[in-house]
Protein backbone atom coordinates (compact mmCIF):
# COMPACT_ATOMS: atom_id res chain seq x y z
CA MET A 1 112.46 129.52 118.24
CA ALA A 2 113.63 126.34 116.54
CA THR A 3 111.18 123.48 116.57
CA ALA A 4 111.94 120.27 118.45
CA PHE A 5 109.77 118.20 116.11
CA PRO A 6 112.11 115.90 114.20
CA GLU A 7 112.46 115.69 110.44
CA GLY A 8 110.00 113.15 109.13
CA PHE A 9 107.51 113.68 111.97
CA LEU A 10 104.20 112.14 110.88
CA TRP A 11 101.71 115.00 111.00
CA GLY A 12 98.17 114.07 110.04
CA GLY A 13 94.75 112.96 111.15
CA ALA A 14 92.79 109.87 112.17
CA VAL A 15 89.35 108.40 111.53
CA ALA A 16 87.67 104.97 111.68
CA ALA A 17 85.85 103.15 108.91
CA ASN A 18 82.65 102.66 110.89
CA GLN A 19 82.34 106.37 111.65
CA LEU A 20 82.61 107.78 108.14
CA GLU A 21 82.49 105.19 105.34
CA GLY A 22 78.75 104.50 105.27
CA ALA A 23 77.75 102.01 102.53
CA TYR A 24 77.16 99.65 105.43
CA LEU A 25 75.70 96.82 103.31
CA GLU A 26 77.29 97.65 99.95
CA ASP A 27 79.57 95.50 97.78
CA GLY A 28 79.17 92.41 99.91
CA LYS A 29 79.74 93.95 103.33
CA GLN A 30 77.62 92.62 106.19
CA LEU A 31 76.97 94.05 109.66
CA ASN A 32 79.73 94.72 112.12
CA VAL A 33 79.21 95.45 115.81
CA THR A 34 78.98 99.22 115.44
CA ASP A 35 76.29 98.89 112.76
CA VAL A 36 73.88 97.88 115.54
CA MET A 37 74.93 100.53 118.04
CA THR A 38 73.25 103.87 118.65
CA GLY A 39 76.46 104.93 120.33
CA ILE A 40 79.07 102.65 121.84
CA GLY A 41 78.07 103.65 125.37
CA ASN A 42 74.60 102.19 124.83
CA LYS A 43 73.32 98.65 124.50
CA PRO A 44 73.35 97.14 121.02
CA ASP A 45 70.19 96.87 118.97
CA ILE A 46 69.93 93.11 119.13
CA GLU A 47 67.20 90.84 120.47
CA TRP A 48 66.91 87.16 121.27
CA ASN A 49 65.21 85.14 118.53
CA GLU A 50 63.50 82.11 120.09
CA GLU A 51 63.27 80.34 116.73
CA THR A 52 66.95 80.60 115.83
CA GLY A 53 68.18 80.51 119.42
CA LYS A 54 70.58 83.41 119.02
CA TRP A 55 70.87 87.18 119.09
CA GLU A 56 69.83 89.03 115.93
CA PRO A 57 69.64 92.73 114.92
CA SER A 58 66.38 94.37 115.95
CA PHE A 59 66.55 98.05 114.90
CA THR A 60 63.42 98.71 116.95
CA HIS A 61 64.45 102.13 118.31
CA ASP A 62 63.59 105.58 117.01
CA PHE A 63 67.23 106.67 116.79
CA VAL A 64 68.69 107.33 113.34
CA HIS A 65 71.62 105.03 112.64
CA LEU A 66 73.88 107.71 111.20
CA SER A 67 76.74 105.27 110.69
CA GLU A 68 74.75 103.48 107.96
CA GLU A 69 75.55 106.38 105.66
CA GLY A 70 78.29 108.00 107.74
CA ILE A 71 79.58 110.93 105.74
CA ASP A 72 79.58 108.81 102.58
CA PHE A 73 83.36 108.53 102.60
CA TYR A 74 83.03 105.22 100.74
CA HIS A 75 81.99 107.14 97.63
CA ARG A 76 83.74 110.48 98.32
CA TYR A 77 87.13 109.35 99.64
CA LYS A 78 89.16 110.77 96.76
CA ASP A 79 87.82 114.29 97.36
CA ASP A 80 88.10 113.92 101.13
CA LEU A 81 91.68 112.70 100.95
CA ALA A 82 92.49 115.63 98.70
CA LEU A 83 91.23 117.91 101.47
CA MET A 84 93.53 116.14 103.93
CA ALA A 85 96.46 116.46 101.55
CA GLY A 86 95.60 120.15 101.26
CA MET A 87 96.66 120.52 104.88
CA GLY A 88 99.95 118.83 104.07
CA PHE A 89 99.23 115.56 105.89
CA LYS A 90 102.16 113.20 106.06
CA ALA A 91 99.98 110.36 107.38
CA PHE A 92 96.32 109.44 107.52
CA ARG A 93 94.96 106.86 109.90
CA THR A 94 91.87 104.81 109.10
CA SER A 95 90.72 101.25 109.67
CA ILE A 96 89.75 98.30 107.54
CA SER A 97 86.18 97.24 108.12
CA TRP A 98 86.64 93.54 108.88
CA ALA A 99 83.13 92.80 107.55
CA ARG A 100 84.07 94.21 104.13
CA ILE A 101 86.78 91.58 103.85
CA PHE A 102 85.09 88.64 105.61
CA PRO A 103 81.41 89.65 105.81
CA HIS A 104 80.37 87.10 108.42
CA GLY A 105 83.88 86.63 109.75
CA ASP A 106 84.28 82.88 109.33
CA GLU A 107 84.37 82.54 105.52
CA GLU A 108 87.18 80.62 103.89
CA GLU A 109 87.70 83.20 101.14
CA PRO A 110 87.71 87.02 101.35
CA ASN A 111 85.35 89.41 99.60
CA GLU A 112 87.24 90.80 96.60
CA ALA A 113 85.12 93.96 96.38
CA GLY A 114 86.17 94.91 99.90
CA LEU A 115 89.84 94.25 99.22
CA ALA A 116 89.67 96.31 96.02
CA PHE A 117 88.16 99.28 97.85
CA TYR A 118 91.06 99.49 100.29
CA ASP A 119 93.56 98.94 97.48
CA ASP A 120 92.36 102.13 95.84
CA LEU A 121 92.01 103.95 99.15
CA PHE A 122 95.64 103.28 100.10
CA ASP A 123 96.85 103.98 96.56
CA THR A 124 95.12 107.36 96.68
CA MET A 125 96.74 108.21 100.01
CA LEU A 126 100.17 107.33 98.68
CA GLU A 127 99.64 109.33 95.50
CA LEU A 128 98.81 112.34 97.70
CA GLY A 129 101.94 111.89 99.80
CA MET A 130 100.27 110.40 102.89
CA GLU A 131 101.41 107.24 104.66
CA PRO A 132 98.45 104.97 105.47
CA VAL A 133 98.27 104.17 109.19
CA VAL A 134 95.85 101.27 109.42
CA THR A 135 93.96 99.80 112.35
CA ILE A 136 93.05 96.19 111.65
CA SER A 137 90.09 96.12 114.05
CA HIS A 138 88.57 99.44 115.18
CA TYR A 139 85.30 98.47 116.92
CA GLU A 140 84.46 96.58 113.69
CA THR A 141 84.27 92.91 114.55
CA PRO A 142 81.79 91.22 112.17
CA LEU A 143 78.48 90.85 114.00
CA GLY A 144 78.21 87.24 112.86
CA LEU A 145 81.24 86.31 114.95
CA LEU A 146 79.55 87.63 118.10
CA VAL A 147 76.09 86.16 117.63
CA ASP A 148 77.36 82.75 116.47
CA TYR A 149 80.48 82.35 118.60
CA GLY A 150 80.35 84.99 121.34
CA GLY A 151 83.24 86.84 119.72
CA TRP A 152 86.54 86.81 121.58
CA LEU A 153 85.07 84.68 124.36
CA ASP A 154 85.62 81.78 121.93
CA ARG A 155 89.15 80.66 121.12
CA ARG A 156 88.14 79.90 117.53
CA MET A 157 88.29 83.67 116.97
CA ILE A 158 92.08 83.42 116.82
CA GLY A 159 91.84 81.34 113.65
CA PHE A 160 89.35 83.71 112.02
CA TRP A 161 91.60 86.63 112.95
CA GLU A 162 94.71 84.91 111.55
CA ARG A 163 92.99 84.40 108.19
CA TYR A 164 91.88 88.05 108.10
CA VAL A 165 95.26 89.46 109.13
CA ARG A 166 97.18 87.23 106.73
CA THR A 167 94.86 88.36 103.93
CA VAL A 168 95.29 92.10 104.47
CA LEU A 169 99.02 91.95 105.20
CA THR A 170 99.59 90.01 101.99
CA ARG A 171 97.29 92.18 99.88
CA TYR A 172 98.67 95.52 101.04
CA LYS A 173 102.33 94.57 101.39
CA GLY A 174 104.46 97.56 100.41
CA LYS A 175 101.53 99.96 100.66
CA VAL A 176 100.99 100.06 104.43
CA LYS A 177 104.04 100.58 106.63
CA TYR A 178 102.23 101.30 109.88
CA TRP A 179 99.70 98.83 111.25
CA MET A 180 97.91 98.58 114.57
CA THR A 181 96.01 95.54 115.79
CA PHE A 182 93.05 96.42 118.02
CA ASN A 183 91.68 99.86 118.79
CA GLU A 184 91.42 100.52 122.53
CA ILE A 185 90.65 97.00 123.75
CA ASN A 186 91.28 98.38 127.24
CA VAL A 187 87.91 100.14 126.88
CA GLY A 188 86.34 96.69 126.56
CA ARG A 189 85.74 96.54 130.30
CA MET A 190 83.14 99.30 129.95
CA ILE A 191 81.83 98.45 126.47
CA PRO A 192 82.61 94.77 125.86
CA PHE A 193 80.31 94.45 122.84
CA ALA A 194 81.86 97.18 120.69
CA ALA A 195 85.41 97.61 121.99
CA GLY A 196 85.95 94.08 123.25
CA GLY A 197 84.10 92.18 120.53
CA MET A 198 82.51 89.95 123.18
CA LEU A 199 78.94 88.74 123.73
CA ASP A 200 77.63 86.20 126.22
CA ILE A 201 75.48 83.95 124.01
CA HIS A 202 74.42 81.48 126.69
CA PRO A 203 70.62 81.02 126.41
CA THR A 204 70.10 81.59 130.14
CA HIS A 205 71.40 85.15 129.70
CA LYS A 206 69.10 86.06 126.82
CA ASP A 207 67.26 88.76 128.79
CA LEU A 208 70.44 90.74 129.35
CA PRO A 209 72.02 91.73 126.01
CA ASN A 210 75.50 93.12 126.53
CA ALA A 211 75.18 92.65 130.28
CA ASP A 212 78.37 93.08 132.24
CA LEU A 213 80.57 90.10 131.56
CA THR A 214 82.16 88.27 134.45
CA GLN A 215 85.79 88.85 135.28
CA GLN A 216 86.49 85.31 134.10
CA GLN A 217 84.93 86.06 130.70
CA LEU A 218 86.69 89.39 130.27
CA TYR A 219 90.16 88.13 131.09
CA GLN A 220 89.68 85.02 128.97
CA GLY A 221 88.54 87.13 126.03
CA TRP A 222 91.50 89.44 126.48
CA HIS A 223 93.86 86.47 126.61
CA HIS A 224 92.57 85.37 123.22
CA GLN A 225 93.16 88.90 121.92
CA PHE A 226 96.69 88.99 123.35
CA VAL A 227 97.46 85.77 121.50
CA ALA A 228 95.89 87.23 118.36
CA ASN A 229 97.91 90.44 118.76
CA ALA A 230 101.17 88.51 119.02
CA LEU A 231 100.17 86.40 116.04
CA ALA A 232 99.64 89.59 113.99
CA VAL A 233 103.13 90.79 114.92
CA LYS A 234 104.55 87.43 113.84
CA LEU A 235 102.67 87.51 110.54
CA CYS A 236 103.79 91.07 109.84
CA ARG A 237 107.45 90.16 110.33
CA GLU A 238 107.08 87.15 108.06
CA ILE A 239 104.99 88.73 105.30
CA ASP A 240 106.27 92.33 105.21
CA PRO A 241 109.39 92.82 107.37
CA ALA A 242 109.58 96.49 106.33
CA ALA A 243 106.24 97.23 108.01
CA LYS A 244 105.63 97.87 111.72
CA MET A 245 102.83 96.39 113.84
CA GLY A 246 101.85 98.64 116.72
CA LEU A 247 99.23 98.46 119.41
CA MET A 248 96.58 101.09 120.12
CA LEU A 249 95.15 101.83 123.56
CA SER A 250 93.25 104.63 125.21
CA GLN A 251 95.70 106.32 127.60
CA SER A 252 93.72 109.23 129.00
CA ALA A 253 93.34 107.32 132.28
CA ILE A 254 97.13 107.20 132.66
CA ALA A 255 96.82 110.91 133.48
CA THR A 256 94.92 110.11 136.66
CA TYR A 257 96.15 112.27 139.50
CA PRO A 258 95.68 111.67 143.24
CA GLU A 259 93.59 114.40 144.82
CA THR A 260 95.97 114.61 147.79
CA CYS A 261 99.12 113.02 149.16
CA ASN A 262 96.92 110.68 151.18
CA PRO A 263 98.44 107.24 150.47
CA ASP A 264 94.95 105.95 149.65
CA ASP A 265 94.70 108.56 146.89
CA ILE A 266 98.16 107.63 145.62
CA LEU A 267 97.33 103.93 145.54
CA GLY A 268 93.92 104.58 144.01
CA ALA A 269 95.45 106.58 141.18
CA GLN A 270 98.01 103.81 140.67
CA ARG A 271 95.26 101.17 140.48
CA THR A 272 93.49 103.23 137.85
CA GLN A 273 96.66 103.45 135.77
CA ARG A 274 97.17 99.71 136.10
CA LEU A 275 93.66 99.11 134.81
CA HIS A 276 94.97 100.34 131.47
CA SER A 277 98.69 99.52 131.69
CA PHE A 278 97.73 95.87 132.13
CA PHE A 279 97.14 95.60 128.37
CA SER A 280 100.36 97.24 127.26
CA ASP A 281 102.33 95.38 129.93
CA VAL A 282 101.29 92.13 128.24
CA MET A 283 101.68 93.33 124.64
CA LEU A 284 105.00 95.12 125.14
CA LYS A 285 106.63 93.23 128.01
CA GLY A 286 105.39 89.86 126.81
CA ARG A 287 104.08 88.53 130.11
CA TYR A 288 101.27 88.93 132.58
CA PRO A 289 102.22 91.48 135.28
CA GLY A 290 102.37 90.39 138.90
CA TYR A 291 99.70 92.80 140.08
CA VAL A 292 96.98 91.20 137.96
CA ARG A 293 97.41 87.85 139.66
CA ARG A 294 95.89 89.22 142.86
CA ILE A 295 92.89 90.38 140.85
CA TRP A 296 92.49 86.92 139.37
CA GLU A 297 92.69 85.32 142.80
CA GLU A 298 90.16 87.71 144.33
CA ASN A 299 87.72 87.22 141.42
CA ASP A 300 88.15 83.46 140.94
CA VAL A 301 89.68 83.92 137.49
CA GLU A 302 91.44 80.88 136.08
CA LEU A 303 92.62 81.44 132.53
CA GLU A 304 92.66 78.66 129.99
CA ILE A 305 96.09 79.10 128.42
CA ALA A 306 96.99 76.75 125.59
CA ASP A 307 100.47 75.36 125.07
CA GLY A 308 102.57 77.91 123.23
CA ASP A 309 100.40 80.93 124.07
CA MET A 310 102.83 82.56 126.48
CA GLU A 311 105.83 81.83 124.26
CA LEU A 312 104.07 83.55 121.35
CA ILE A 313 103.15 86.55 123.51
CA ALA A 314 106.73 86.79 124.83
CA ASN A 315 108.42 86.49 121.45
CA TYR A 316 106.22 88.83 119.41
CA THR A 317 105.70 92.12 121.20
CA ASN A 318 104.55 95.19 119.29
CA ASP A 319 106.89 97.53 117.45
CA TYR A 320 105.43 100.83 118.70
CA PHE A 321 102.81 102.20 121.07
CA GLY A 322 99.94 104.03 119.39
CA PHE A 323 97.56 105.72 121.79
CA SER A 324 94.74 108.19 122.26
CA TYR A 325 94.66 111.01 124.79
CA TYR A 326 91.81 113.45 125.38
CA ARG A 327 91.55 114.34 129.06
CA SER A 328 92.83 113.70 132.57
CA ALA A 329 91.05 112.72 135.78
CA VAL A 330 91.45 112.98 139.56
CA TYR A 331 91.20 110.05 141.96
CA SER A 332 89.58 111.01 145.25
CA THR A 333 89.20 108.62 148.18
CA ARG A 334 87.34 111.38 150.01
CA ALA A 335 84.74 111.75 147.28
CA ILE A 336 84.27 108.00 147.07
CA ASN A 337 83.74 107.74 150.84
CA GLU A 338 81.33 110.67 150.79
CA GLY A 339 79.44 109.31 147.83
CA THR A 340 79.94 112.54 145.89
CA THR A 341 81.62 110.96 142.89
CA THR A 342 79.78 109.34 140.01
CA SER A 343 82.17 106.40 140.01
CA LYS A 344 83.64 104.31 142.79
CA GLY A 345 86.29 103.09 140.42
CA GLY A 346 90.01 103.12 140.35
CA GLY A 347 90.63 99.41 140.73
CA LEU A 348 91.21 96.83 138.07
CA THR A 349 87.58 95.75 138.28
CA SER A 350 86.18 99.18 137.53
CA GLY A 351 85.94 101.39 134.51
CA SER A 352 87.11 104.78 135.74
CA ALA A 353 88.60 106.71 138.61
CA GLY A 354 86.70 108.38 141.39
CA THR A 355 86.08 111.62 139.58
CA VAL A 356 86.25 115.09 141.05
CA ALA A 357 86.99 118.39 139.37
CA ASN A 358 90.61 119.42 139.07
CA PRO A 359 90.88 122.96 140.51
CA TYR A 360 94.17 123.52 138.72
CA LEU A 361 92.67 123.22 135.25
CA SER A 362 91.12 126.44 134.02
CA ALA A 363 89.29 125.24 130.93
CA CYS A 364 86.91 122.59 129.77
CA SER A 365 85.41 121.99 126.36
CA PRO A 366 82.13 123.88 125.85
CA GLU A 367 78.82 122.30 126.79
CA PRO A 368 77.28 119.83 126.51
CA TRP A 369 80.38 117.62 126.94
CA CYS A 370 82.67 119.82 129.01
CA TRP A 371 85.74 117.61 129.12
CA PRO A 372 88.60 119.00 131.22
CA VAL A 373 91.35 120.36 129.00
CA ASP A 374 94.76 119.27 130.25
CA PRO A 375 97.56 119.59 127.67
CA LYS A 376 100.25 118.84 130.25
CA GLY A 377 98.52 115.53 130.86
CA LEU A 378 99.61 114.51 127.36
CA ARG A 379 103.23 115.28 128.20
CA TYR A 380 102.87 113.26 131.40
CA VAL A 381 101.43 110.29 129.49
CA CYS A 382 104.24 110.39 126.91
CA ASN A 383 106.88 110.35 129.63
CA TYR A 384 105.10 107.61 131.57
CA LEU A 385 104.94 105.38 128.50
CA GLN A 386 108.51 106.09 127.40
CA ASP A 387 109.87 105.32 130.87
CA ARG A 388 107.79 102.14 131.23
CA TYR A 389 108.25 100.63 127.76
CA ASP A 390 111.07 102.43 125.91
CA VAL A 391 109.49 101.95 122.47
CA PRO A 392 108.52 104.57 119.85
CA LEU A 393 105.28 106.38 120.70
CA PHE A 394 102.64 107.44 118.19
CA ILE A 395 99.87 109.85 119.21
CA VAL A 396 97.13 108.54 116.94
CA GLU A 397 94.15 110.30 118.55
CA ASN A 398 93.84 113.69 120.21
CA GLY A 399 91.17 116.24 119.46
CA ILE A 400 88.16 118.21 120.58
CA GLY A 401 84.50 117.77 119.71
CA LEU A 402 82.40 120.93 119.53
CA ASP A 403 78.75 121.68 118.81
CA GLU A 404 79.09 124.04 115.83
CA ASN A 405 77.31 125.06 112.64
CA LEU A 406 77.91 127.39 109.70
CA ASP A 407 77.41 131.07 110.39
CA ALA A 408 75.38 133.41 108.19
CA ASP A 409 78.30 133.70 105.78
CA GLY A 410 78.74 129.94 105.49
CA HIS A 411 81.88 129.77 107.64
CA ILE A 412 82.93 128.29 110.97
CA ASP A 413 85.34 130.14 113.22
CA ASP A 414 86.69 127.65 115.76
CA PRO A 415 89.33 129.36 117.93
CA PHE A 416 88.76 126.93 120.80
CA ARG A 417 89.89 124.04 118.58
CA VAL A 418 92.98 125.96 117.50
CA GLU A 419 93.85 126.73 121.11
CA TYR A 420 93.28 123.12 122.18
CA VAL A 421 95.50 121.67 119.47
CA ARG A 422 98.21 124.32 119.86
CA ASP A 423 98.45 123.82 123.62
CA HIS A 424 98.62 120.03 123.27
CA LEU A 425 101.23 120.21 120.53
CA LEU A 426 103.39 122.49 122.65
CA GLN A 427 103.35 119.78 125.32
CA VAL A 428 104.19 117.13 122.72
CA GLU A 429 107.19 119.24 121.85
CA GLU A 430 108.14 119.40 125.53
CA ALA A 431 107.85 115.61 125.73
CA ILE A 432 110.22 115.30 122.76
CA LYS A 433 112.67 117.54 124.60
CA ASP A 434 112.22 115.28 127.64
CA GLY A 435 113.59 112.45 125.52
CA CYS A 436 110.37 110.83 124.34
CA ASP A 437 110.62 109.09 120.97
CA ILE A 438 107.40 110.30 119.32
CA MET A 439 106.74 109.22 115.74
CA GLY A 440 103.89 111.58 114.93
CA TYR A 441 100.64 113.29 115.85
CA LEU A 442 97.34 112.35 114.22
CA TYR A 443 94.46 114.65 115.10
CA TRP A 444 91.07 113.03 115.70
CA GLY A 445 89.15 113.52 113.46
CA PRO A 446 90.18 116.00 110.76
CA ILE A 447 86.78 115.81 109.04
CA ASP A 448 83.46 115.64 110.90
CA VAL A 449 82.42 112.01 111.45
CA VAL A 450 79.72 110.17 113.38
CA SER A 451 80.65 110.23 117.06
CA ALA A 452 81.58 106.84 118.47
CA GLY A 453 80.57 107.82 121.97
CA THR A 454 77.12 109.24 121.19
CA GLY A 455 76.30 108.06 117.67
CA GLU A 456 75.56 111.61 116.52
CA MET A 457 76.91 114.27 114.16
CA ARG A 458 76.48 117.13 116.63
CA LYS A 459 79.83 116.40 118.26
CA ARG A 460 82.11 117.75 115.53
CA TYR A 461 85.88 117.31 115.65
CA GLY A 462 86.86 118.25 112.14
CA PHE A 463 88.94 120.90 110.46
CA VAL A 464 86.44 120.20 107.69
CA TYR A 465 82.69 120.60 108.32
CA VAL A 466 80.24 118.05 106.89
CA ASP A 467 76.66 119.17 106.34
CA ARG A 468 74.84 116.32 108.08
CA PHE A 469 72.73 116.37 111.23
CA ASN A 470 71.45 114.05 113.94
CA ASP A 471 68.11 113.46 112.23
CA GLY A 472 69.92 112.29 109.10
CA HIS A 473 69.25 115.28 106.87
CA GLY A 474 71.93 117.36 105.17
CA THR A 475 73.66 117.85 101.84
CA LEU A 476 76.96 116.20 102.92
CA GLU A 477 78.74 119.28 101.55
CA ARG A 478 82.28 119.75 102.87
CA VAL A 479 83.37 123.20 104.14
CA LYS A 480 86.80 124.13 105.50
CA LYS A 481 86.71 125.60 109.00
CA ASN A 482 89.11 128.38 109.98
CA SER A 483 91.25 125.81 111.81
CA TYR A 484 92.01 124.10 108.48
CA ASP A 485 94.49 126.76 107.33
CA TRP A 486 95.98 127.02 110.81
CA TYR A 487 96.77 123.30 111.00
CA LYS A 488 98.16 123.48 107.48
CA ALA A 489 100.56 126.18 108.64
CA VAL A 490 101.60 124.08 111.65
CA ILE A 491 102.53 121.19 109.36
CA GLU A 492 104.27 123.39 106.79
CA SER A 493 106.46 124.91 109.50
CA ASN A 494 107.02 121.55 111.25
CA GLY A 495 105.58 123.14 114.38
CA GLU A 496 107.50 126.42 114.34
CA ILE A 497 104.37 128.59 114.17
CA LEU A 498 103.23 127.17 117.51
CA HIS A 499 105.59 129.70 119.07
CA ALA A 500 104.44 132.64 116.97
């Protein structure tokens, strides 16, 4: 059967600097937000210092900060990239750690050692035949910008961002063709410190680090990020017109299904989708959607919008839609009313849908995470996005984390991962046949990295195993899993072997 994947399809993998680089205070780098997280779902390790009158790192817990060393990619990237090239990668997504370039975030001049590191990193990718796909801010806002300014709650962040973006676009002109601005800022409602880069620094709130921000604060912070996003698009077109500036959002929640044809279930699922489409509606349609204005009215939100903000947002929308997809969900009014769901969400002021099991899905990932496996949900998301925005789509995260270790012979057989990726890729192919313009597929993460969600090594996504464990011990040896050769064959055949 002939493949539907087009010539030039960008097969590859994706990681983030904070989850694998390590060297967290090396060569001039200072702390970013994820350097003080035990896992992005938890509160940051910061405490109020009465003497300085601001939040400062505390590191008072017993949890090992695995991200401090990561998998030592900072010193091993040439060998690791060679492993990626061994699978035939056409593209490799990573991020620039903002605090390597501007350690505190508000410096006038960049850190040359940080710039030089990424110069060689991108050069190595290109030498190995891989296009760098680069996220400018992947949960890596410099900590100094949060504790001194409150992060994106402060409009001055736009100026710090402009200096940073101008610096990296100028430095890596001609090397990086595919950029993305922020990673999953739509997750900032649930984890505003890490994903949103926001911190309430008002002294009266000092007993509640990373407490839920008000709706006014969240929407104001997002407005600043929307302006910053448009500014990055503008800078990209001025500095390197051959490059593309995309956006990156989590889109798993777009595959939220109503439990029944009850209109309340239908509307609840729609509200959940809008929770996430709000961001792309602004960044791709260039205006605030009508439905959000009711939310503002009901939550007493009055945005401070400077002259020229909306013109900038309207004139500089993103070139493509990069997104992650892992799982689907089911919205259930019944379960919410009965109190049998863990979340009463689904609206724009909540983080997730009313969750109930989907009886039509036969598989979930093995314990302890047990995410529902829904490959057709990815096809649904692709079609939803293509119909709504009509821009190129780029699947820049999709993968499965498993609790696995070497067997007695020093190998890892991971058929569940192979099945997961194969089934999702078959649905990507169906989406292409549906008419979706899909640029590529980047598996998350092709080498084991520190989990963003839990801050541990036990949740392993890779085609390549890394010998490191939750307590910090391990040799850091790299071992190819059985899925490595399978994914290599998928890329070599441009997807044809999916039908074998």
